PDB file of N, CA and C in Angstrom:
ATOM      1  N   MET A   1    -110.936  18.433-153.415  1.00  0.00           N
ATOM      2  CA  MET A   1    -109.928  19.427-152.690  1.00  0.00           C
ATOM      3  C   MET A   1    -110.620  18.557-151.327  1.00  0.00           C
ATOM      4  N   GLU A   2    -110.196  18.857-150.294  1.00  0.00           N
ATOM      5  CA  GLU A   2    -110.406  18.665-149.077  1.00  0.00           C
ATOM      6  C   GLU A   2    -110.018  19.806-147.920  1.00  0.00           C
ATOM      7  N   PHE A   3    -110.684  19.749-147.340  1.00  0.00           N
ATOM      8  CA  PHE A   3    -110.153  20.735-145.906  1.00  0.00           C
ATOM      9  C   PHE A   3    -109.250  19.953-144.847  1.00  0.00           C
ATOM     10  N   GLU A   4    -108.272  20.253-144.434  1.00  0.00           N
ATOM     11  CA  GLU A   4    -107.238  19.806-143.662  1.00  0.00           C
ATOM     12  C   GLU A   4    -107.059  20.170-142.409  1.00  0.00           C
ATOM     13  N   GLN A   5    -106.418  19.690-141.433  1.00  0.00           N
ATOM     14  CA  GLN A   5    -105.916  20.258-140.064  1.00  0.00           C
ATOM     15  C   GLN A   5    -107.174  20.744-139.559  1.00  0.00           C
ATOM     16  N   THR A   6    -108.604  20.126-139.369  1.00  0.00           N
ATOM     17  CA  THR A   6    -109.560  20.406-138.609  1.00  0.00           C
ATOM     18  C   THR A   6    -110.324  19.578-137.654  1.00  0.00           C
ATOM     19  N   GLU A   7    -110.357  19.752-136.618  1.00  0.00           N
ATOM     20  CA  GLU A   7    -110.356  18.772-135.611  1.00  0.00           C
ATOM     21  C   GLU A   7    -111.956  18.205-135.926  1.00  0.00           C
ATOM     22  N   GLN A   8    -113.161  18.697-136.284  1.00  0.00           N
ATOM     23  CA  GLN A   8    -113.921  18.099-136.710  1.00  0.00           C
ATOM     24  C   GLN A   8    -114.914  18.991-137.884  1.00  0.00           C
ATOM     25  N   GLN A   9    -115.379  17.950-138.634  1.00  0.00           N
ATOM     26  CA  GLN A   9    -115.970  18.575-139.775  1.00  0.00           C
ATOM     27  C   GLN A   9    -117.620  19.434-139.050  1.00  0.00           C
ATOM     28  N   LEU A  10    -117.445  20.786-139.726  1.00  0.00           N
ATOM     29  CA  LEU A  10    -118.682  21.385-139.429  1.00  0.00           C
ATOM     30  C   LEU A  10    -120.036  21.074-140.082  1.00  0.00           C
ATOM     31  N   THR A  11    -121.118  21.283-139.462  1.00  0.00           N
ATOM     32  CA  THR A  11    -122.094  20.946-140.259  1.00  0.00           C
ATOM     33  C   THR A  11    -123.067  22.422-140.343  1.00  0.00           C
ATOM     34  N   GLY A  12    -123.976  22.325-141.181  1.00  0.00           N
ATOM     35  CA  GLY A  12    -124.748  23.750-141.571  1.00  0.00           C
ATOM     36  C   GLY A  12    -125.371  24.323-140.136  1.00  0.00           C
ATOM     37  N   LEU A  13    -125.616  23.567-139.553  1.00  0.00           N
ATOM     38  CA  LEU A  13    -125.826  24.035-138.034  1.00  0.00           C
ATOM     39  C   LEU A  13    -125.054  24.844-137.279  1.00  0.00           C
ATOM     40  N   ASP A  14    -123.667  24.022-137.195  1.00  0.00           N
ATOM     41  CA  ASP A  14    -122.268  24.628-136.317  1.00  0.00           C
ATOM     42  C   ASP A  14    -122.012  26.105-136.904  1.00  0.00           C
ATOM     43  N   ILE A  15    -122.102  26.104-138.602  1.00  0.00           N
ATOM     44  CA  ILE A  15    -122.268  27.449-139.176  1.00  0.00           C
ATOM     45  C   ILE A  15    -123.169  28.551-138.516  1.00  0.00           C
ATOM     46  N   LYS A  16    -124.428  27.713-138.421  1.00  0.00           N
ATOM     47  CA  LYS A  16    -125.197  28.960-138.094  1.00  0.00           C
ATOM     48  C   LYS A  16    -125.285  29.151-136.666  1.00  0.00           C
ATOM     49  N   ASN A  17    -124.787  28.656-135.785  1.00  0.00           N
ATOM     50  CA  ASN A  17    -124.683  28.636-134.210  1.00  0.00           C
ATOM     51  C   ASN A  17    -123.536  29.683-134.126  1.00  0.00           C
ATOM     52  N   PHE A  18    -122.218  29.490-135.130  1.00  0.00           N
ATOM     53  CA  PHE A  18    -121.564  30.261-134.941  1.00  0.00           C
ATOM     54  C   PHE A  18    -121.440  31.929-135.492  1.00  0.00           C
ATOM     55  N   GLU A  19    -122.056  31.654-136.387  1.00  0.00           N
ATOM     56  CA  GLU A  19    -122.803  32.926-136.934  1.00  0.00           C
ATOM     57  C   GLU A  19    -123.409  34.148-135.852  1.00  0.00           C
ATOM     58  N   GLU A  20    -124.440  33.003-135.122  1.00  0.00           N
ATOM     59  CA  GLU A  20    -125.356  33.553-134.154  1.00  0.00           C
ATOM     60  C   GLU A  20    -124.472  34.346-132.978  1.00  0.00           C
ATOM     61  N   SER A  21    -123.563  33.363-132.374  1.00  0.00           N
ATOM     62  CA  SER A  21    -122.898  33.539-131.330  1.00  0.00           C
ATOM     63  C   SER A  21    -121.714  34.346-131.532  1.00  0.00           C
ATOM     64  N   SER A  22    -121.056  34.627-132.681  1.00  0.00           N
ATOM     65  CA  SER A  22    -120.100  35.785-133.296  1.00  0.00           C
ATOM     66  C   SER A  22    -120.467  37.068-133.770  1.00  0.00           C
ATOM     67  N   LYS A  23    -121.658  36.901-134.264  1.00  0.00           N
ATOM     68  CA  LYS A  23    -122.326  38.500-134.990  1.00  0.00           C
ATOM     69  C   LYS A  23    -121.488  38.356-135.892  1.00  0.00           C
ATOM     70  N   ILE A  24    -121.177  37.492-136.429  1.00  0.00           N
ATOM     71  CA  ILE A  24    -120.402  37.521-137.876  1.00  0.00           C
ATOM     72  C   ILE A  24    -121.271  36.562-139.154  1.00  0.00           C
ATOM     73  N   ILE A  25    -121.643  36.926-140.227  1.00  0.00           N
ATOM     74  CA  ILE A  25    -122.171  36.402-141.214  1.00  0.00           C
ATOM     75  C   ILE A  25    -121.313  36.032-142.477  1.00  0.00           C
ATOM     76  N   LEU A  26    -121.584  34.765-142.764  1.00  0.00           N
ATOM     77  CA  LEU A  26    -120.277  34.229-143.525  1.00  0.00           C
ATOM     78  C   LEU A  26    -120.944  34.467-144.885  1.00  0.00           C
ATOM     79  N   PRO A  27    -120.234  34.572-145.941  1.00  0.00           N
ATOM     80  CA  PRO A  27    -121.009  34.809-147.153  1.00  0.00           C
ATOM     81  C   PRO A  27    -121.338  33.266-147.446  1.00  0.00           C
ATOM     82  N   GLU A  28    -122.829  33.235-147.863  1.00  0.00           N
ATOM     83  CA  GLU A  28    -123.230  32.194-148.615  1.00  0.00           C
ATOM     84  C   GLU A  28    -122.614  31.112-149.376  1.00  0.00           C
ATOM     85  N   ASP A  29    -121.592  31.757-150.371  1.00  0.00           N
ATOM     86  CA  ASP A  29    -120.719  30.790-151.324  1.00  0.00           C
ATOM     87  C   ASP A  29    -119.798  30.158-150.762  1.00  0.00           C
ATOM     88  N   PHE A  30    -119.190  30.611-149.582  1.00  0.00           N
ATOM     89  CA  PHE A  30    -118.266  30.377-149.104  1.00  0.00           C
ATOM     90  C   PHE A  30    -118.761  29.192-148.057  1.00  0.00           C
ATOM     91  N   LYS A  31    -119.838  29.530-147.423  1.00  0.00           N
ATOM     92  CA  LYS A  31    -120.772  28.302-146.638  1.00  0.00           C
ATOM     93  C   LYS A  31    -120.988  26.733-147.764  1.00  0.00           C
ATOM     94  N   ASN A  32    -121.652  27.488-148.681  1.00  0.00           N
ATOM     95  CA  ASN A  32    -122.241  26.110-149.711  1.00  0.00           C
ATOM     96  C   ASN A  32    -120.840  25.716-150.152  1.00  0.00           C
ATOM     97  N   HIS A  33    -119.730  26.077-150.200  1.00  0.00           N
ATOM     98  CA  HIS A  33    -118.666  25.479-151.006  1.00  0.00           C
ATOM     99  C   HIS A  33    -118.146  24.493-149.833  1.00  0.00           C
ATOM    100  N   TYR A  34    -118.123  24.765-148.945  1.00  0.00           N
ATOM    101  CA  TYR A  34    -117.511  24.218-147.672  1.00  0.00           C
ATOM    102  C   TYR A  34    -118.630  22.726-147.340  1.00  0.00           C
ATOM    103  N   LEU A  35    -119.513  23.314-147.323  1.00  0.00           N
ATOM    104  CA  LEU A  35    -120.628  22.112-147.057  1.00  0.00           C
ATOM    105  C   LEU A  35    -120.554  20.987-148.187  1.00  0.00           C
ATOM    106  N   LEU A  36    -120.696  21.531-149.445  1.00  0.00           N
ATOM    107  CA  LEU A  36    -120.395  20.779-150.292  1.00  0.00           C
ATOM    108  C   LEU A  36    -119.486  19.839-150.591  1.00  0.00           C
ATOM    109  N   HIS A  37    -118.079  20.273-150.123  1.00  0.00           N
ATOM    110  CA  HIS A  37    -116.934  19.445-150.557  1.00  0.00           C
ATOM    111  C   HIS A  37    -116.568  18.800-148.929  1.00  0.00           C
ATOM    112  N   ILE A  38    -117.594  18.916-148.154  1.00  0.00           N
ATOM    113  CA  ILE A  38    -117.389  17.836-146.901  1.00  0.00           C
ATOM    114  C   ILE A  38    -118.088  16.729-147.070  1.00  0.00           C
ATOM    115  N   HIS A  39    -119.395  17.298-147.777  1.00  0.00           N
ATOM    116  CA  HIS A  39    -120.461  16.046-148.159  1.00  0.00           C
ATOM    117  C   HIS A  39    -119.430  15.295-149.146  1.00  0.00           C
ATOM    118  N   MET A  40    -119.172  15.705-150.112  1.00  0.00           N
ATOM    119  CA  MET A  40    -118.562  15.002-151.498  1.00  0.00           C
ATOM    120  C   MET A  40    -117.539  14.375-150.498  1.00  0.00           C
ATOM    121  N   ALA A  41    -116.555  14.662-149.690  1.00  0.00           N
ATOM    122  CA  ALA A  41    -115.612  13.771-148.989  1.00  0.00           C
ATOM    123  C   ALA A  41    -115.921  12.653-148.340  1.00  0.00           C
ATOM    124  N   ASP A  42    -117.166  12.719-147.644  1.00  0.00           N
ATOM    125  CA  ASP A  42    -117.861  11.651-147.185  1.00  0.00           C
ATOM    126  C   ASP A  42    -118.107  10.432-148.333  1.00  0.00           C
ATOM    127  N   ILE A  43    -118.747  11.163-149.137  1.00  0.00           N
ATOM    128  CA  ILE A  43    -119.236  10.089-150.268  1.00  0.00           C
ATOM    129  C   ILE A  43    -117.918   9.579-150.706  1.00  0.00           C
ATOM    130  N   HIS A  44    -117.109  10.301-150.626  1.00  0.00           N
ATOM    131  CA  HIS A  44    -115.513   9.566-151.483  1.00  0.00           C
ATOM    132  C   HIS A  44    -115.101   8.311-150.419  1.00  0.00           C
ATOM    133  N   HIS A  45    -115.185   8.904-149.319  1.00  0.00           N
ATOM    134  CA  HIS A  45    -114.656   7.689-148.323  1.00  0.00           C
ATOM    135  C   HIS A  45    -115.564   6.363-148.384  1.00  0.00           C
ATOM    136  N   MET A  46    -116.879   6.524-148.355  1.00  0.00           N
ATOM    137  CA  MET A  46    -117.637   5.666-148.257  1.00  0.00           C
ATOM    138  C   MET A  46    -117.328   4.547-149.246  1.00  0.00           C
ATOM    139  N   ASN A  47    -116.968   5.254-150.513  1.00  0.00           N
ATOM    140  CA  ASN A  47    -116.824   4.298-151.612  1.00  0.00           C
ATOM    141  C   ASN A  47    -115.153   3.603-152.000  1.00  0.00           C
ATOM    142  N   MET A  48    -114.678   4.294-150.867  1.00  0.00           N
ATOM    143  CA  MET A  48    -113.166   3.470-150.702  1.00  0.00           C
ATOM    144  C   MET A  48    -113.408   1.897-150.346  1.00  0.00           C
TER     145      MET A  48
END
């Protein structure tokens, strides 16, 4: 699975900053899922 149509990949710090500025707390499992798949996509692209 890849997240598509994103301007840039978000980091954990980006997500934390968004939560602090918007006063919205995203579920931990959502954040972990997103960050895991971004990390796995990076590994996949490096091995191509």
